């Protein structure tokens, strides 16, 4: 069984370690935990990881966030990935810092990466894990906040949260979306004010 795990972010050193690149950060951690590394391929950086008889193809698109769908479509077709075996890791300012939530489908919530993937695939029925990056920014400074780097304290806090996301990815492949949501969404919740727009998704 093959699974395409897509971490959203922007390529380039200037974006490394930024809040918007949490998808890249998660996949880098998963590759490291599996003693694997990424190779520069067409439309993205690829790292195959095996776990309990499943093959996870980790993809960090090199298309920039707004064109993420091009990379997803190419690798789904190349690797003959079933639609139900696609999982996207994405940042979310509507969730408290470190809050983690999985959904089987849903709206893009204003996220350009998800929006392009949905447009290119022609459906929003693919699993996604949202990782909260908080919304601690002043009015008019959203872009600077999202593209800003984590503070040392935030980095330390996120380490254990990223470990939880990796467990969820593995569970997605071995147990499926619904059982993963049941097992992990409560663990992933961080108490705080959040926009629950996706409760109806």
C-alpha atoms as a PDB file:
ATOM      1  CA  UNK A   1       0.000   0.000   0.000  1.00  0.00           C
ATOM      2  CA  UNK A   2       1.327   3.419  -0.993  1.00  0.00           C
ATOM      3  CA  UNK A   3       0.471   6.719   0.640  1.00  0.00           C
ATOM      4  CA  UNK A   4       1.370  10.237  -0.483  1.00  0.00           C
ATOM      5  CA  UNK A   5       2.073  12.482   2.492  1.00  0.00           C
ATOM      6  CA  UNK A   6       2.358  16.125   1.459  1.00  0.00           C
ATOM      7  CA  UNK A   7       3.850  18.747   3.741  1.00  0.00           C
ATOM      8  CA  UNK A   8       3.033  22.252   2.520  1.00  0.00           C
ATOM      9  CA  UNK A   9       5.612  25.017   2.554  1.00  0.00           C
ATOM     10  CA  UNK A  10       7.839  27.175   0.400  1.00  0.00           C
ATOM     11  CA  UNK A  11      11.271  26.078  -0.878  1.00  0.00           C
ATOM     12  CA  UNK A  12      14.395  28.114  -0.185  1.00  0.00           C
ATOM     13  CA  UNK A  13      16.542  29.011   2.801  1.00  0.00           C
ATOM     14  CA  UNK A  14      14.617  32.234   3.426  1.00  0.00           C
ATOM     15  CA  UNK A  15      11.509  30.202   4.261  1.00  0.00           C
ATOM     16  CA  UNK A  16      13.152  27.439   6.277  1.00  0.00           C
ATOM     17  CA  UNK A  17      11.917  27.282   9.856  1.00  0.00           C
ATOM     18  CA  UNK A  18       9.002  29.668   9.301  1.00  0.00           C
ATOM     19  CA  UNK A  19       5.478  29.129  10.606  1.00  0.00           C
ATOM     20  CA  UNK A  20       4.053  28.698   7.097  1.00  0.00           C
ATOM     21  CA  UNK A  21       6.510  25.840   6.508  1.00  0.00           C
ATOM     22  CA  UNK A  22       5.328  23.620   9.357  1.00  0.00           C
ATOM     23  CA  UNK A  23       4.409  20.962   6.770  1.00  0.00           C
ATOM     24  CA  UNK A  24       8.039  20.803   5.622  1.00  0.00           C
ATOM     25  CA  UNK A  25       9.209  20.724   9.241  1.00  0.00           C
ATOM     26  CA  UNK A  26       6.984  17.756  10.066  1.00  0.00           C
ATOM     27  CA  UNK A  27       8.182  15.742   7.072  1.00  0.00           C
ATOM     28  CA  UNK A  28      11.831  16.574   7.775  1.00  0.00           C
ATOM     29  CA  UNK A  29      11.343  15.206  11.300  1.00  0.00           C
ATOM     30  CA  UNK A  30       9.617  12.069  10.000  1.00  0.00           C
ATOM     31  CA  UNK A  31      12.402  11.422   7.496  1.00  0.00           C
ATOM     32  CA  UNK A  32      15.031  11.886  10.201  1.00  0.00           C
ATOM     33  CA  UNK A  33      13.180   9.541  12.568  1.00  0.00           C
ATOM     34  CA  UNK A  34      13.215   6.939   9.794  1.00  0.00           C
ATOM     35  CA  UNK A  35      16.914   7.462   8.981  1.00  0.00           C
ATOM     36  CA  UNK A  36      15.921   8.589   5.494  1.00  0.00           C
ATOM     37  CA  UNK A  37      16.603  11.693   3.442  1.00  0.00           C
ATOM     38  CA  UNK A  38      14.972  13.719   0.667  1.00  0.00           C
ATOM     39  CA  UNK A  39      15.981  13.745  -2.990  1.00  0.00           C
ATOM     40  CA  UNK A  40      15.338  16.650  -5.346  1.00  0.00           C
ATOM     41  CA  UNK A  41      12.873  15.335  -7.922  1.00  0.00           C
ATOM     42  CA  UNK A  42      10.367  16.809 -10.358  1.00  0.00           C
ATOM     43  CA  UNK A  43       7.992  19.270  -8.671  1.00  0.00           C
ATOM     44  CA  UNK A  44       9.349  18.507  -5.215  1.00  0.00           C
ATOM     45  CA  UNK A  45      11.614  16.827  -2.720  1.00  0.00           C
ATOM     46  CA  UNK A  46      10.790  13.147  -2.217  1.00  0.00           C
ATOM     47  CA  UNK A  47      11.559  10.737   0.608  1.00  0.00           C
ATOM     48  CA  UNK A  48      10.129   7.182   0.638  1.00  0.00           C
ATOM     49  CA  UNK A  49       9.614   5.761   4.123  1.00  0.00           C
ATOM     50  CA  UNK A  50       8.432   2.259   5.008  1.00  0.00           C
ATOM     51  CA  UNK A  51       6.446   1.437   8.146  1.00  0.00           C
ATOM     52  CA  UNK A  52       4.665  -1.822   8.995  1.00  0.00           C
ATOM     53  CA  UNK A  53       4.396  -2.909   5.387  1.00  0.00           C
ATOM     54  CA  UNK A  54       3.206   0.471   4.143  1.00  0.00           C
ATOM     55  CA  UNK A  55       5.153   2.829   1.913  1.00  0.00           C
ATOM     56  CA  UNK A  56       4.844   6.510   2.721  1.00  0.00           C
ATOM     57  CA  UNK A  57       6.049   8.830  -0.023  1.00  0.00           C
ATOM     58  CA  UNK A  58       6.866  12.103   1.690  1.00  0.00           C
ATOM     59  CA  UNK A  59       6.554  15.108  -0.630  1.00  0.00           C
ATOM     60  CA  UNK A  60       7.720  18.677  -0.042  1.00  0.00           C
ATOM     61  CA  UNK A  61       6.537  20.566  -3.149  1.00  0.00           C
ATOM     62  CA  UNK A  62       9.117  22.821  -4.793  1.00  0.00           C
ATOM     63  CA  UNK A  63       6.388  24.705  -6.668  1.00  0.00           C
ATOM     64  CA  UNK A  64       5.856  27.299  -3.921  1.00  0.00           C
ATOM     65  CA  UNK A  65       2.732  27.232  -1.781  1.00  0.00           C
ATOM     66  CA  UNK A  66       0.294  28.756  -4.267  1.00  0.00           C
ATOM     67  CA  UNK A  67       0.997  26.057  -6.876  1.00  0.00           C
ATOM     68  CA  UNK A  68       1.146  23.041  -4.559  1.00  0.00           C
ATOM     69  CA  UNK A  69      -1.537  21.219  -6.542  1.00  0.00           C
ATOM     70  CA  UNK A  70       0.801  20.757  -9.511  1.00  0.00           C
ATOM     71  CA  UNK A  71       3.211  18.695  -7.412  1.00  0.00           C
ATOM     72  CA  UNK A  72       0.430  16.714  -5.745  1.00  0.00           C
ATOM     73  CA  UNK A  73      -1.202  15.796  -9.055  1.00  0.00           C
ATOM     74  CA  UNK A  74       2.110  14.768 -10.630  1.00  0.00           C
ATOM     75  CA  UNK A  75       3.113  12.450  -7.783  1.00  0.00           C
ATOM     76  CA  UNK A  76      -0.355  10.972  -7.338  1.00  0.00           C
ATOM     77  CA  UNK A  77      -0.310  10.003 -11.015  1.00  0.00           C
ATOM     78  CA  UNK A  78       3.304   8.854 -11.097  1.00  0.00           C
ATOM     79  CA  UNK A  79       3.004   6.641  -8.036  1.00  0.00           C
ATOM     80  CA  UNK A  80      -0.596   5.586  -8.794  1.00  0.00           C
ATOM     81  CA  UNK A  81      -1.802   6.741  -5.374  1.00  0.00           C
ATOM     82  CA  UNK A  82      -5.458   6.126  -4.552  1.00  0.00           C
ATOM     83  CA  UNK A  83      -7.372   9.343  -3.634  1.00  0.00           C
ATOM     84  CA  UNK A  84      -8.036   7.963  -0.152  1.00  0.00           C
ATOM     85  CA  UNK A  85      -4.298   7.538   0.410  1.00  0.00           C
ATOM     86  CA  UNK A  86      -3.460  11.254   0.159  1.00  0.00           C
ATOM     87  CA  UNK A  87      -2.753  13.231   3.325  1.00  0.00           C
ATOM     88  CA  UNK A  88      -1.772  16.909   3.447  1.00  0.00           C
ATOM     89  CA  UNK A  89      -0.040  18.592   6.402  1.00  0.00           C
ATOM     90  CA  UNK A  90      -0.809  22.308   6.628  1.00  0.00           C
ATOM     91  CA  UNK A  91      -0.431  25.292   8.972  1.00  0.00           C
ATOM     92  CA  UNK A  92      -3.551  26.943  10.426  1.00  0.00           C
ATOM     93  CA  UNK A  93      -3.708  30.350  12.120  1.00  0.00           C
ATOM     94  CA  UNK A  94      -7.245  29.602  13.357  1.00  0.00           C
ATOM     95  CA  UNK A  95      -5.928  26.942  15.756  1.00  0.00           C
ATOM     96  CA  UNK A  96      -3.903  27.641  18.914  1.00  0.00           C
ATOM     97  CA  UNK A  97      -0.164  27.087  18.681  1.00  0.00           C
ATOM     98  CA  UNK A  98       0.542  23.359  18.635  1.00  0.00           C
ATOM     99  CA  UNK A  99      -3.080  22.265  18.310  1.00  0.00           C
ATOM    100  CA  UNK A 100      -3.413  19.382  15.856  1.00  0.00           C
ATOM    101  CA  UNK A 101      -6.582  18.368  14.056  1.00  0.00           C
ATOM    102  CA  UNK A 102      -7.230  15.802  11.371  1.00  0.00           C
ATOM    103  CA  UNK A 103     -10.165  15.932   8.968  1.00  0.00           C
ATOM    104  CA  UNK A 104     -11.146  13.576   6.106  1.00  0.00           C
ATOM    105  CA  UNK A 105     -12.089  16.493   3.821  1.00  0.00           C
ATOM    106  CA  UNK A 106     -13.133  20.138   4.017  1.00  0.00           C
ATOM    107  CA  UNK A 107     -12.790  23.691   2.804  1.00  0.00           C
ATOM    108  CA  UNK A 108      -9.429  25.338   2.263  1.00  0.00           C
ATOM    109  CA  UNK A 109     -10.109  27.796   5.094  1.00  0.00           C
ATOM    110  CA  UNK A 110      -8.411  30.558   3.104  1.00  0.00           C
ATOM    111  CA  UNK A 111      -5.161  28.602   2.799  1.00  0.00           C
ATOM    112  CA  UNK A 112      -3.650  29.101  -0.662  1.00  0.00           C
ATOM    113  CA  UNK A 113      -1.906  25.732  -0.720  1.00  0.00           C
ATOM    114  CA  UNK A 114      -5.062  23.776   0.056  1.00  0.00           C
ATOM    115  CA  UNK A 115      -7.030  25.947  -2.336  1.00  0.00           C
ATOM    116  CA  UNK A 116      -4.740  25.099  -5.253  1.00  0.00           C
ATOM    117  CA  UNK A 117      -4.678  21.377  -4.436  1.00  0.00           C
ATOM    118  CA  UNK A 118      -8.483  21.302  -4.314  1.00  0.00           C
ATOM    119  CA  UNK A 119      -8.697  23.215  -7.606  1.00  0.00           C
ATOM    120  CA  UNK A 120      -6.237  20.946  -9.411  1.00  0.00           C
ATOM    121  CA  UNK A 121      -7.671  17.688  -8.063  1.00  0.00           C
ATOM    122  CA  UNK A 122     -11.261  18.856  -8.551  1.00  0.00           C
ATOM    123  CA  UNK A 123     -12.252  17.723  -5.074  1.00  0.00           C
ATOM    124  CA  UNK A 124     -11.778  18.637  -1.413  1.00  0.00           C
ATOM    125  CA  UNK A 125     -12.251  15.044  -0.317  1.00  0.00           C
ATOM    126  CA  UNK A 126      -8.715  14.282   0.791  1.00  0.00           C
ATOM    127  CA  UNK A 127      -7.408  13.961   4.341  1.00  0.00           C
ATOM    128  CA  UNK A 128      -5.531  16.797   5.968  1.00  0.00           C
ATOM    129  CA  UNK A 129      -3.844  17.471   9.296  1.00  0.00           C
ATOM    130  CA  UNK A 130      -3.931  21.082  10.420  1.00  0.00           C
ATOM    131  CA  UNK A 131      -1.196  22.223  12.773  1.00  0.00           C
ATOM    132  CA  UNK A 132      -2.036  25.373  14.704  1.00  0.00           C
ATOM    133  CA  UNK A 133       0.467  28.204  14.486  1.00  0.00           C
ATOM    134  CA  UNK A 134      -1.600  30.617  16.597  1.00  0.00           C
ATOM    135  CA  UNK A 135      -2.622  34.143  15.691  1.00  0.00           C
ATOM    136  CA  UNK A 136      -0.399  36.262  17.901  1.00  0.00           C
ATOM    137  CA  UNK A 137      -0.009  39.122  15.481  1.00  0.00           C
ATOM    138  CA  UNK A 138      -1.216  42.709  15.316  1.00  0.00           C
ATOM    139  CA  UNK A 139      -3.709  43.843  12.707  1.00  0.00           C
ATOM    140  CA  UNK A 140      -2.020  44.250   9.352  1.00  0.00           C
ATOM    141  CA  UNK A 141       0.960  42.032  10.209  1.00  0.00           C
ATOM    142  CA  UNK A 142      -0.483  38.628   9.321  1.00  0.00           C
ATOM    143  CA  UNK A 143       1.915  38.000   6.431  1.00  0.00           C
ATOM    144  CA  UNK A 144       4.975  38.860   8.520  1.00  0.00           C
ATOM    145  CA  UNK A 145       3.736  36.577  11.290  1.00  0.00           C
ATOM    146  CA  UNK A 146       2.992  33.611   9.030  1.00  0.00           C
ATOM    147  CA  UNK A 147       6.308  33.967   7.193  1.00  0.00           C
ATOM    148  CA  UNK A 148       8.185  34.661  10.425  1.00  0.00           C
ATOM    149  CA  UNK A 149      10.444  32.222  12.240  1.00  0.00           C
ATOM    150  CA  UNK A 150       9.568  30.376  15.434  1.00  0.00           C
ATOM    151  CA  UNK A 151      10.928  31.683  18.705  1.00  0.00           C
ATOM    152  CA  UNK A 152      13.249  29.321  20.645  1.00  0.00           C
ATOM    153  CA  UNK A 153      10.458  28.571  23.145  1.00  0.00           C
ATOM    154  CA  UNK A 154       8.001  27.823  20.334  1.00  0.00           C
ATOM    155  CA  UNK A 155      10.490  25.481  18.672  1.00  0.00           C
ATOM    156  CA  UNK A 156      10.989  23.537  21.886  1.00  0.00           C
ATOM    157  CA  UNK A 157       7.244  23.280  22.485  1.00  0.00           C
ATOM    158  CA  UNK A 158       6.567  22.127  18.924  1.00  0.00           C
ATOM    159  CA  UNK A 159       9.054  19.248  19.066  1.00  0.00           C
ATOM    160  CA  UNK A 160       6.695  16.991  21.000  1.00  0.00           C
ATOM    161  CA  UNK A 161       3.710  18.155  18.959  1.00  0.00           C
ATOM    162  CA  UNK A 162       5.511  17.224  15.745  1.00  0.00           C
ATOM    163  CA  UNK A 163       6.167  13.773  17.202  1.00  0.00           C
ATOM    164  CA  UNK A 164       2.396  13.427  17.652  1.00  0.00           C
ATOM    165  CA  UNK A 165       1.783  14.413  14.024  1.00  0.00           C
ATOM    166  CA  UNK A 166       4.226  11.715  12.890  1.00  0.00           C
ATOM    167  CA  UNK A 167       2.295   9.154  14.940  1.00  0.00           C
ATOM    168  CA  UNK A 168      -0.892  10.329  13.231  1.00  0.00           C
ATOM    169  CA  UNK A 169       0.654   9.955   9.779  1.00  0.00           C
ATOM    170  CA  UNK A 170       1.694   6.379  10.556  1.00  0.00           C
ATOM    171  CA  UNK A 171      -1.758   5.648  11.954  1.00  0.00           C
ATOM    172  CA  UNK A 172      -3.336   7.069   8.787  1.00  0.00           C
ATOM    173  CA  UNK A 173      -1.530   4.378   6.808  1.00  0.00           C
ATOM    174  CA  UNK A 174      -2.128   1.496   9.197  1.00  0.00           C
ATOM    175  CA  UNK A 175      -5.595   2.299  10.594  1.00  0.00           C
ATOM    176  CA  UNK A 176      -7.225   4.803   8.238  1.00  0.00           C
ATOM    177  CA  UNK A 177      -8.575   8.329   8.653  1.00  0.00           C
ATOM    178  CA  UNK A 178     -11.563   7.745  10.935  1.00  0.00           C
ATOM    179  CA  UNK A 179      -9.735   5.612  13.508  1.00  0.00           C
ATOM    180  CA  UNK A 180      -6.813   8.060  13.483  1.00  0.00           C
ATOM    181  CA  UNK A 181      -9.155  10.965  14.160  1.00  0.00           C
ATOM    182  CA  UNK A 182     -10.782   9.056  17.027  1.00  0.00           C
ATOM    183  CA  UNK A 183      -7.443   8.129  18.555  1.00  0.00           C
ATOM    184  CA  UNK A 184      -5.569  11.411  18.122  1.00  0.00           C
ATOM    185  CA  UNK A 185      -7.783  14.491  17.685  1.00  0.00           C
ATOM    186  CA  UNK A 186      -8.453  14.764  21.415  1.00  0.00           C
ATOM    187  CA  UNK A 187      -4.733  14.373  22.163  1.00  0.00           C
ATOM    188  CA  UNK A 188      -3.996  17.032  19.585  1.00  0.00           C
ATOM    189  CA  UNK A 189      -6.256  19.695  21.059  1.00  0.00           C
ATOM    190  CA  UNK A 190      -4.676  22.658  22.821  1.00  0.00           C
ATOM    191  CA  UNK A 191      -6.949  24.674  25.093  1.00  0.00           C
ATOM    192  CA  UNK A 192      -7.447  28.194  23.808  1.00  0.00           C
ATOM    193  CA  UNK A 193      -9.628  30.404  21.674  1.00  0.00           C
ATOM    194  CA  UNK A 194      -9.999  28.976  18.216  1.00  0.00           C
ATOM    195  CA  UNK A 195     -12.192  29.235  15.186  1.00  0.00           C
ATOM    196  CA  UNK A 196     -14.229  26.039  14.954  1.00  0.00           C
ATOM    197  CA  UNK A 197     -15.201  26.661  11.358  1.00  0.00           C
ATOM    198  CA  UNK A 198     -14.258  23.108  10.407  1.00  0.00           C
ATOM    199  CA  UNK A 199     -16.681  21.358  12.759  1.00  0.00           C
ATOM    200  CA  UNK A 200     -19.147  21.181   9.887  1.00  0.00           C
ATOM    201  CA  UNK A 201     -16.610  20.078   7.290  1.00  0.00           C
END
